[in-house]
Amino acid sequence: MSTQPPPIVLDPTGANRQAESALLRSHGSAVRVDILGVTAWSVTDPDLLKKLLTSDDVSKDARAHWPAFGEVVQSWPLALWVAVNNMFTAYGHAHARLRRMIAPAFSARRVQALAPFVDTTVDSLLDELEALPGGGTVDLRDRLAHPLPIAVICRLMGVPTERREAFRTVVDGVFATTLTAEQATANAGALRGMLDELITARRAEPGDDLTSLLVSARDEEAEDGRGLSDDELRDTLLLMISAGYETTVNVIDQAVSLLLAHPEQLDRVREGHADWNDVVEETLRLEPAITHLPMRYAVRDVHLPDGGVIPKGEAILASYAAANRHPAWHADADTFDITRVTKEHLAFGHGVHFCLGAPLARMELAAALKGLFGRFPLIELAVPAEELEPLGSLLSNGHKTLPVRLRPSEGQPDSTPSATVPPNWR
């Protein structure tokens, strides 16, 4: 009879993720968890996690290496995360083939070419905020953190402006972990339907965008079997819009809230002791956009450094948030310190599956922060930081809303002397 303890049940709402991360770490390098009814091994040790993320002993192909796949995919609310047919779930040569076809869309040249659009979009959103009456409360997640990334990824993908909000709604559902299996299935179907429409439109009228590039690659290379299949094409676009939008929303949200909750850190930027890139990296370390990333699978038995084994065929959950705050990796790991020398993190993954869109996300984040704090040097949280509500997802790490006051109410004393704002903030 097995004496293995029951798995730790992960909270679907992510209501107290730091306490949960600490609990996971207290069980060693890896521990069995229940993620919405499915058992997996949560890996929180950063050294082990980096090793597994670069090892052939671990796969992302559920169909090939997860015996439970056929049963799980029928009813699991997160089935889309393991059933898509793109480089996110590919292993070995299949992954290399898909990444080779997609990588040109995220070349340094293409990312840099988006910089003027990013800056213009930030300025436009800040113009709208500046036109609002002074002293009122604004939800910055809704007015800046959401619209900037969706505008950028839709521009990259060739999504018409009038379709942005529709895409935003269904992508939000991909990261929701309180939906029923039926609701999640319906949301996935809606997203795939919208992507099929986009593919049809870009095939009829191609442009200089990711969708047109992938449609061309699929059509030109289909005859010799090297191109994308129809499912791979659609699911690759699904990956791009999901990974390129929600994650950046969360980091803008977290970076702003952290800076406003820790004004001494904001002062370090004002005084020139750190820059916006430092803020971005420390935010990614302390509050990564994705807490846990499902799933990977043991191709063969994985022996843990502190004893125990992840048996072949069992699922592995990369718990990035817990690993980023591991005390063996960072001193004072729970402290927000933009001047810390080592800000290494796993927010963008590691190894062959490292996020292709990382340079674009970093550019968006720095532009948003520089623009916001340059335009509104007196900005402040409208509620105490501890009253900001978590998003309600065990995967997606953000807040439901980010209420701020862009400037003090009339008659209220200024809390931040604007004279201290350096010229390069404006």
Protein backbone atom coordinates (compact mmCIF):
# COMPACT_ATOMS: atom_id res chain seq x y z
CA MET A 1 0.00 0.00 0.00
CA SER A 2 1.41 3.42 -1.01
CA THR A 3 2.46 5.79 1.75
CA GLN A 4 2.86 8.71 -0.62
CA PRO A 5 1.18 11.80 0.87
CA PRO A 6 -1.72 13.36 -1.02
CA PRO A 7 -0.78 16.13 -3.47
CA ILE A 8 -0.95 19.77 -2.44
CA VAL A 9 -4.11 21.25 -3.96
CA LEU A 10 -3.28 24.49 -5.77
CA ASP A 11 -5.77 27.30 -5.20
CA PRO A 12 -7.56 27.96 -8.53
CA THR A 13 -7.93 31.65 -7.62
CA GLY A 14 -4.28 32.27 -6.71
CA ALA A 15 -5.51 34.26 -3.72
CA ASN A 16 -2.32 33.85 -1.67
CA ARG A 17 0.30 32.77 -4.18
CA GLN A 18 3.35 33.77 -2.13
CA ALA A 19 2.31 31.63 0.82
CA GLU A 20 1.53 28.81 -1.58
CA SER A 21 4.94 29.18 -3.26
CA ALA A 22 6.65 29.04 0.14
CA LEU A 23 4.68 25.88 0.97
CA LEU A 24 5.78 24.24 -2.29
CA ARG A 25 9.45 25.14 -1.67
CA SER A 26 9.27 23.74 1.86
CA HIS A 27 8.75 20.26 0.39
CA GLY A 28 12.09 20.25 -1.43
CA SER A 29 13.03 20.48 -5.08
CA ALA A 30 9.72 19.05 -6.33
CA VAL A 31 6.39 18.05 -4.82
CA ARG A 32 3.20 16.49 -6.13
CA VAL A 33 0.36 18.97 -6.61
CA ASP A 34 -3.24 18.88 -7.74
CA ILE A 35 -3.84 21.44 -10.48
CA LEU A 36 -7.58 21.62 -11.14
CA GLY A 37 -7.98 17.89 -10.57
CA VAL A 38 -4.84 16.70 -12.37
CA THR A 39 -1.76 15.50 -10.50
CA ALA A 40 1.65 16.89 -11.49
CA TRP A 41 5.06 17.49 -9.95
CA SER A 42 5.64 21.15 -9.11
CA VAL A 43 9.35 21.94 -9.52
CA THR A 44 10.47 24.98 -7.50
CA ASP A 45 14.24 24.48 -7.25
CA PRO A 46 15.73 26.83 -9.88
CA ASP A 47 18.78 24.66 -10.59
CA LEU A 48 16.67 21.55 -11.08
CA LEU A 49 14.12 23.47 -13.11
CA LYS A 50 16.76 24.87 -15.47
CA LYS A 51 18.23 21.39 -15.84
CA LEU A 52 14.86 19.85 -16.69
CA LEU A 53 14.00 22.66 -19.12
CA THR A 54 17.09 21.80 -21.16
CA SER A 55 16.97 18.01 -20.85
CA ASP A 56 15.77 15.46 -23.37
CA ASP A 57 14.43 13.57 -20.35
CA VAL A 58 11.52 16.03 -20.28
CA SER A 59 9.04 16.61 -23.10
CA LYS A 60 6.24 19.08 -23.83
CA ASP A 61 4.44 16.66 -26.15
CA ALA A 62 1.49 15.35 -24.13
CA ARG A 63 0.25 13.07 -26.90
CA ALA A 64 3.56 11.24 -27.07
CA HIS A 65 4.72 11.26 -23.45
CA TRP A 66 1.73 11.64 -21.10
CA PRO A 67 -0.28 8.42 -20.78
CA ALA A 68 -3.07 10.35 -19.04
CA PHE A 69 -3.50 12.74 -21.97
CA GLY A 70 -6.43 11.00 -23.64
CA GLU A 71 -8.47 11.01 -20.44
CA VAL A 72 -7.42 14.43 -19.14
CA VAL A 73 -8.08 16.32 -22.36
CA GLN A 74 -11.75 15.32 -22.27
CA SER A 75 -12.64 17.26 -19.13
CA TRP A 76 -9.72 19.33 -17.80
CA PRO A 77 -10.38 23.10 -17.83
CA LEU A 78 -6.77 23.67 -18.96
CA ALA A 79 -6.95 21.15 -21.81
CA LEU A 80 -6.09 23.86 -24.35
CA TRP A 81 -2.68 24.29 -22.71
CA VAL A 82 -1.71 20.70 -23.46
CA ALA A 83 -3.75 19.95 -26.60
CA VAL A 84 -2.66 22.77 -28.91
CA ASN A 85 -0.53 21.76 -31.86
CA ASN A 86 2.29 24.30 -31.97
CA MET A 87 5.84 24.79 -30.70
CA PHE A 88 4.54 25.24 -27.14
CA THR A 89 3.68 21.52 -27.03
CA ALA A 90 6.35 20.23 -29.42
CA TYR A 91 9.41 18.14 -28.52
CA GLY A 92 12.79 17.57 -30.17
CA HIS A 93 12.96 17.92 -33.96
CA ALA A 94 9.28 18.88 -34.19
CA HIS A 95 9.90 21.84 -31.91
CA ALA A 96 13.02 22.89 -33.84
CA ARG A 97 11.07 22.82 -37.14
CA LEU A 98 8.25 25.00 -35.79
CA ARG A 99 10.55 27.46 -34.04
CA ARG A 100 12.62 27.85 -37.22
CA MET A 101 9.53 28.95 -39.12
CA ILE A 102 8.35 31.41 -36.47
CA ALA A 103 11.65 32.95 -35.33
CA PRO A 104 11.98 35.39 -38.28
CA ALA A 105 8.83 37.20 -37.12
CA PHE A 106 10.65 38.09 -33.88
CA SER A 107 14.01 39.02 -35.38
CA ALA A 108 15.83 42.00 -33.90
CA ARG A 109 15.01 43.96 -37.05
CA ARG A 110 11.27 43.29 -36.84
CA VAL A 111 11.12 44.03 -33.12
CA GLN A 112 13.02 47.29 -33.56
CA ALA A 113 10.70 48.23 -36.41
CA LEU A 114 7.81 48.07 -33.92
CA ALA A 115 9.45 50.60 -31.56
CA PRO A 116 7.84 53.70 -33.16
CA PHE A 117 4.41 52.04 -32.99
CA VAL A 118 4.97 51.13 -29.33
CA ASP A 119 6.02 54.69 -28.47
CA THR A 120 3.11 56.22 -30.41
CA THR A 121 0.63 53.88 -28.73
CA VAL A 122 1.98 54.70 -25.27
CA ASP A 123 1.77 58.43 -26.02
CA SER A 124 -1.79 58.09 -27.30
CA LEU A 125 -2.93 56.18 -24.21
CA LEU A 126 -1.25 58.71 -21.93
CA ASP A 127 -2.88 61.57 -23.87
CA GLU A 128 -6.25 60.00 -23.08
CA LEU A 129 -5.33 59.74 -19.41
CA GLU A 130 -4.06 63.31 -19.34
CA ALA A 131 -7.39 64.54 -20.69
CA LEU A 132 -9.25 63.06 -17.72
CA PRO A 133 -10.37 65.38 -14.89
CA GLY A 134 -7.76 65.74 -12.15
CA GLY A 135 -8.07 63.97 -8.82
CA GLY A 136 -10.21 61.06 -10.00
CA THR A 137 -9.44 57.36 -9.74
CA VAL A 138 -8.37 55.52 -12.89
CA ASP A 139 -8.04 51.77 -13.44
CA LEU A 140 -4.59 51.69 -14.99
CA ARG A 141 -4.85 47.99 -15.84
CA ASP A 142 -7.81 48.80 -18.06
CA ARG A 143 -6.49 52.10 -19.45
CA LEU A 144 -2.80 51.25 -20.06
CA ALA A 145 -1.74 47.71 -19.15
CA HIS A 146 -4.42 46.09 -21.33
CA PRO A 147 -4.60 48.28 -24.44
CA LEU A 148 -0.86 48.61 -25.09
CA PRO A 149 0.04 44.90 -25.43
CA ILE A 150 -3.15 44.01 -27.33
CA ALA A 151 -2.48 46.85 -29.78
CA VAL A 152 1.12 45.71 -30.30
CA ILE A 153 0.43 41.99 -30.72
CA CYS A 154 -2.53 42.69 -33.02
CA ARG A 155 -0.31 44.98 -35.10
CA LEU A 156 2.33 42.24 -35.28
CA MET A 157 -0.28 39.64 -36.27
CA GLY A 158 -2.26 41.79 -38.67
CA VAL A 159 -5.46 41.78 -36.60
CA PRO A 160 -7.76 44.67 -37.62
CA THR A 161 -8.18 47.40 -35.01
CA GLU A 162 -11.91 46.76 -34.71
CA ARG A 163 -11.25 43.11 -33.72
CA ARG A 164 -8.82 43.85 -30.89
CA GLU A 165 -11.37 43.84 -28.08
CA ALA A 166 -12.94 40.60 -29.27
CA PHE A 167 -9.54 38.90 -29.26
CA ARG A 168 -8.77 40.39 -25.85
CA THR A 169 -11.93 38.88 -24.35
CA VAL A 170 -11.30 35.32 -25.51
CA VAL A 171 -7.57 35.42 -24.68
CA ASP A 172 -8.46 36.44 -21.12
CA GLY A 173 -10.46 33.21 -20.95
CA VAL A 174 -7.40 31.11 -21.85
CA PHE A 175 -5.73 32.16 -18.58
CA ALA A 176 -8.85 31.87 -16.41
CA THR A 177 -8.67 28.95 -14.00
CA THR A 178 -12.14 29.26 -12.49
CA LEU A 179 -14.02 28.34 -15.68
CA THR A 180 -15.80 25.00 -15.97
CA ALA A 181 -14.54 22.54 -18.58
CA GLU A 182 -17.55 23.42 -20.74
CA GLN A 183 -16.86 27.16 -20.49
CA ALA A 184 -13.17 26.66 -21.26
CA THR A 185 -14.01 24.50 -24.29
CA ALA A 186 -16.45 27.10 -25.61
CA ASN A 187 -13.89 29.87 -25.13
CA ALA A 188 -11.20 27.86 -26.94
CA GLY A 189 -13.60 27.23 -29.80
CA ALA A 190 -14.39 30.93 -30.08
CA LEU A 191 -10.71 31.83 -30.19
CA ARG A 192 -9.92 29.22 -32.83
CA GLY A 193 -12.85 30.43 -34.92
CA MET A 194 -11.57 34.00 -34.80
CA LEU A 195 -8.09 32.84 -35.80
CA ASP A 196 -9.50 30.87 -38.74
CA GLU A 197 -11.20 34.07 -39.89
CA LEU A 198 -7.92 35.97 -39.58
CA ILE A 199 -6.06 33.34 -41.61
CA THR A 200 -8.68 33.51 -44.35
CA ALA A 201 -8.47 37.31 -44.45
CA ARG A 202 -4.68 37.44 -44.56
CA ARG A 203 -4.53 34.71 -47.21
CA ALA A 204 -6.84 36.84 -49.38
CA GLU A 205 -5.02 40.10 -48.61
CA PRO A 206 -1.50 39.41 -47.30
CA GLY A 207 0.47 42.11 -45.54
CA ASP A 208 3.74 42.61 -43.66
CA ASP A 209 2.59 40.77 -40.54
CA LEU A 210 3.12 37.50 -38.70
CA THR A 211 -0.09 35.89 -39.92
CA SER A 212 0.71 36.60 -43.56
CA LEU A 213 4.26 35.33 -43.05
CA LEU A 214 3.05 32.05 -41.56
CA VAL A 215 0.29 31.61 -44.13
CA SER A 216 2.87 32.06 -46.87
CA ALA A 217 5.23 29.57 -45.21
CA ARG A 218 2.40 27.09 -44.78
CA ASP A 219 1.24 27.37 -48.40
CA GLU A 220 4.68 27.43 -50.02
CA GLU A 221 6.13 24.51 -48.07
CA ALA A 222 3.04 22.35 -47.68
CA GLU A 223 3.79 20.20 -50.72
CA ASP A 224 7.08 18.84 -49.41
CA GLY A 225 5.77 18.29 -45.89
CA ARG A 226 8.02 20.87 -44.23
CA GLY A 227 5.39 23.56 -43.84
CA LEU A 228 2.83 24.15 -41.14
CA SER A 229 -0.29 22.05 -41.15
CA ASP A 230 -3.61 23.90 -40.86
CA ASP A 231 -3.81 23.04 -37.16
CA GLU A 232 -0.19 24.12 -36.56
CA LEU A 233 -0.80 27.42 -38.32
CA ARG A 234 -3.89 28.28 -36.31
CA ASP A 235 -2.49 27.05 -33.00
CA THR A 236 0.76 28.93 -33.57
CA LEU A 237 -1.22 32.15 -33.94
CA LEU A 238 -3.15 31.18 -30.80
CA LEU A 239 0.16 30.87 -28.96
CA MET A 240 1.43 34.20 -30.26
CA ILE A 241 -1.60 36.24 -29.27
CA SER A 242 -1.93 34.52 -25.88
CA ALA A 243 1.73 34.69 -24.89
CA GLY A 244 2.23 38.16 -26.37
CA TYR A 245 -0.69 39.84 -24.67
CA GLU A 246 -1.75 38.61 -21.24
CA THR A 247 1.79 38.22 -19.94
CA THR A 248 2.78 41.80 -20.80
CA VAL A 249 -0.44 43.14 -19.27
CA ASN A 250 0.48 41.52 -15.98
CA VAL A 251 4.04 42.78 -15.85
CA ILE A 252 3.00 46.39 -16.59
CA ASP A 253 0.41 46.03 -13.82
CA GLN A 254 2.92 44.53 -11.38
CA ALA A 255 5.73 46.99 -12.17
CA VAL A 256 3.51 50.04 -11.62
CA SER A 257 2.00 48.69 -8.41
CA LEU A 258 5.42 47.71 -7.03
CA LEU A 259 6.93 51.11 -7.75
CA LEU A 260 3.99 52.94 -6.19
CA ALA A 261 4.09 50.67 -3.14
CA HIS A 262 7.88 51.20 -2.84
CA PRO A 263 8.52 54.89 -3.57
CA GLU A 264 12.15 54.55 -2.46
CA GLN A 265 12.70 52.30 -5.49
CA LEU A 266 11.12 54.88 -7.79
CA ASP A 267 13.47 57.46 -6.27
CA ARG A 268 16.43 55.31 -7.33
CA VAL A 269 15.33 55.67 -10.94
CA ARG A 270 14.75 59.41 -10.52
CA GLU A 271 18.19 59.80 -9.00
CA GLY A 272 19.88 57.82 -11.78
CA HIS A 273 20.93 54.86 -9.61
CA ALA A 274 18.85 52.49 -11.75
CA ASP A 275 16.94 52.59 -15.04
CA TRP A 276 13.67 51.26 -16.41
CA ASN A 277 15.31 48.05 -17.58
CA ASP A 278 16.30 47.38 -13.96
CA VAL A 279 12.68 47.86 -12.95
CA VAL A 280 11.50 45.49 -15.67
CA GLU A 281 13.92 42.70 -14.73
CA GLU A 282 13.29 42.93 -10.99
CA THR A 283 9.53 42.89 -11.60
CA LEU A 284 9.89 39.82 -13.80
CA ARG A 285 11.88 38.15 -11.04
CA LEU A 286 9.63 39.05 -8.13
CA GLU A 287 6.24 38.93 -9.84
CA PRO A 288 6.48 36.96 -13.09
CA ALA A 289 3.45 37.15 -15.37
CA ILE A 290 2.88 33.40 -15.17
CA THR A 291 3.04 31.63 -11.81
CA HIS A 292 2.97 28.04 -13.10
CA LEU A 293 3.34 26.91 -16.71
CA PRO A 294 1.57 23.64 -17.64
CA MET A 295 2.87 21.14 -18.58
CA ARG A 296 5.95 18.99 -19.24
CA TYR A 297 6.31 15.20 -19.00
CA ALA A 298 9.00 12.81 -17.85
CA VAL A 299 10.26 10.84 -20.85
CA ARG A 300 12.08 8.55 -18.43
CA ASP A 301 12.41 8.44 -14.64
CA VAL A 302 13.76 11.74 -13.29
CA HIS A 303 15.84 11.40 -10.13
CA LEU A 304 15.53 14.37 -7.80
CA PRO A 305 18.63 15.85 -6.12
CA ASP A 306 17.10 15.50 -2.65
CA GLY A 307 15.85 11.96 -3.17
CA GLY A 308 12.73 10.65 -4.79
CA VAL A 309 11.82 10.12 -8.41
CA ILE A 310 9.41 11.66 -10.89
CA PRO A 311 8.29 8.49 -12.68
CA LYS A 312 8.30 8.21 -16.43
CA GLY A 313 5.06 9.51 -17.96
CA GLU A 314 4.09 11.81 -15.10
CA ALA A 315 3.37 15.50 -15.59
CA ILE A 316 5.73 18.26 -14.47
CA LEU A 317 4.63 21.79 -13.61
CA ALA A 318 7.24 24.54 -13.99
CA SER A 319 6.53 26.75 -10.96
CA TYR A 320 8.38 29.85 -12.10
CA ALA A 321 7.14 32.21 -9.39
CA ALA A 322 8.30 29.94 -6.57
CA ALA A 323 11.65 29.30 -8.28
CA ASN A 324 12.30 33.01 -8.86
CA ARG A 325 12.03 33.68 -5.12
CA HIS A 326 14.06 30.67 -4.04
CA PRO A 327 16.35 31.76 -1.16
CA ALA A 328 19.22 29.69 -2.55
CA TRP A 329 19.14 31.77 -5.74
CA HIS A 330 18.57 35.30 -4.43
CA ALA A 331 19.33 36.94 -1.09
CA ASP A 332 16.26 38.65 0.38
CA ALA A 333 14.33 37.01 -2.42
CA ASP A 334 10.98 38.45 -1.32
CA THR A 335 12.27 42.03 -1.41
CA PHE A 336 11.68 44.35 -4.36
CA ASP A 337 15.13 45.81 -5.04
CA ILE A 338 15.77 47.22 -8.50
CA THR A 339 19.46 47.75 -7.71
CA ARG A 340 20.20 44.14 -6.78
CA VAL A 341 23.19 42.95 -8.76
CA THR A 342 21.70 39.63 -9.88
CA LYS A 343 18.17 39.79 -11.20
CA GLU A 344 18.17 36.44 -12.97
CA HIS A 345 14.75 34.86 -13.37
CA LEU A 346 12.77 32.27 -15.29
CA ALA A 347 9.86 34.52 -16.25
CA PHE A 348 10.49 33.90 -19.96
CA GLY A 349 11.34 30.24 -19.51
CA HIS A 350 14.71 28.64 -20.20
CA GLY A 351 16.39 26.56 -22.87
CA VAL A 352 14.91 25.75 -26.28
CA HIS A 353 11.46 26.95 -25.23
CA PHE A 354 12.71 30.39 -24.10
CA CYS A 355 10.11 32.98 -25.11
CA LEU A 356 10.72 34.34 -28.62
CA GLY A 357 8.81 37.50 -27.74
CA ALA A 358 10.96 38.46 -24.73
CA PRO A 359 12.74 41.40 -26.46
CA LEU A 360 9.41 42.84 -27.63
CA ALA A 361 7.85 42.47 -24.17
CA ARG A 362 10.84 44.17 -22.53
CA MET A 363 10.60 47.06 -25.00
CA GLU A 364 6.89 47.54 -24.32
CA LEU A 365 7.38 47.43 -20.56
CA ALA A 366 10.20 50.00 -20.50
CA ALA A 367 8.30 52.33 -22.84
CA ALA A 368 5.13 52.14 -20.74
CA LEU A 369 6.94 52.83 -17.47
CA LYS A 370 9.07 55.68 -18.81
CA GLY A 371 6.04 57.32 -20.40
CA LEU A 372 3.71 56.89 -17.44
CA PHE A 373 6.02 58.17 -14.71
CA GLY A 374 7.37 60.92 -16.93
CA ARG A 375 3.90 62.20 -17.72
CA PHE A 376 2.46 61.69 -14.23
CA PRO A 377 5.23 62.15 -11.64
CA LEU A 378 2.65 62.54 -8.83
CA ILE A 379 0.81 59.29 -9.58
CA GLU A 380 -0.20 57.27 -6.53
CA LEU A 381 -2.18 54.16 -5.64
CA ALA A 382 -5.81 54.92 -4.87
CA VAL A 383 -5.97 52.05 -2.35
CA PRO A 384 -3.37 50.54 -0.02
CA ALA A 385 -1.14 48.08 -1.88
CA GLU A 386 -2.32 45.19 0.29
CA GLU A 387 -5.91 45.83 -0.86
CA LEU A 388 -5.15 45.20 -4.54
CA GLU A 389 -7.09 42.06 -5.47
CA PRO A 390 -5.33 39.16 -7.22
CA LEU A 391 -6.58 38.41 -10.70
CA GLY A 392 -8.27 35.15 -9.68
CA SER A 393 -6.09 32.69 -11.58
CA LEU A 394 -3.48 30.19 -10.44
CA LEU A 395 -1.60 30.79 -13.72
CA SER A 396 -1.88 34.49 -14.50
CA ASN A 397 -0.25 36.81 -11.98
CA GLY A 398 -1.85 40.23 -11.96
CA HIS A 399 -4.57 42.28 -10.28
CA LYS A 400 -8.27 42.53 -11.10
CA THR A 401 -7.91 46.29 -11.21
CA LEU A 402 -5.11 48.78 -10.61
CA PRO A 403 -6.79 51.92 -9.22
CA VAL A 404 -4.53 54.98 -9.19
CA ARG A 405 -4.77 58.73 -8.88
CA LEU A 406 -2.75 60.28 -11.67
CA ARG A 407 -2.42 63.57 -9.83
CA PRO A 408 -3.47 64.76 -6.37
CA SER A 409 -7.01 66.01 -5.84
CA GLU A 410 -7.48 69.77 -5.88
CA GLY A 411 -6.27 71.17 -2.60
CA GLN A 412 -4.36 67.98 -1.72
CA PRO A 413 -0.63 68.55 -1.11
CA ASP A 414 1.78 67.12 -3.68
CA SER A 415 3.50 63.99 -2.43
CA THR A 416 6.25 63.92 -5.06
CA PRO A 417 8.17 67.06 -6.05
CA SER A 418 7.99 67.25 -9.86
CA ALA A 419 11.26 69.20 -9.88
CA THR A 420 13.06 65.94 -9.16
CA VAL A 421 11.91 64.35 -12.43
CA PRO A 422 14.92 64.07 -14.77
CA PRO A 423 14.56 65.44 -18.33
CA ASN A 424 14.90 61.96 -19.87
CA TRP A 425 11.64 60.94 -18.17
CA ARG A 426 9.65 63.33 -20.30
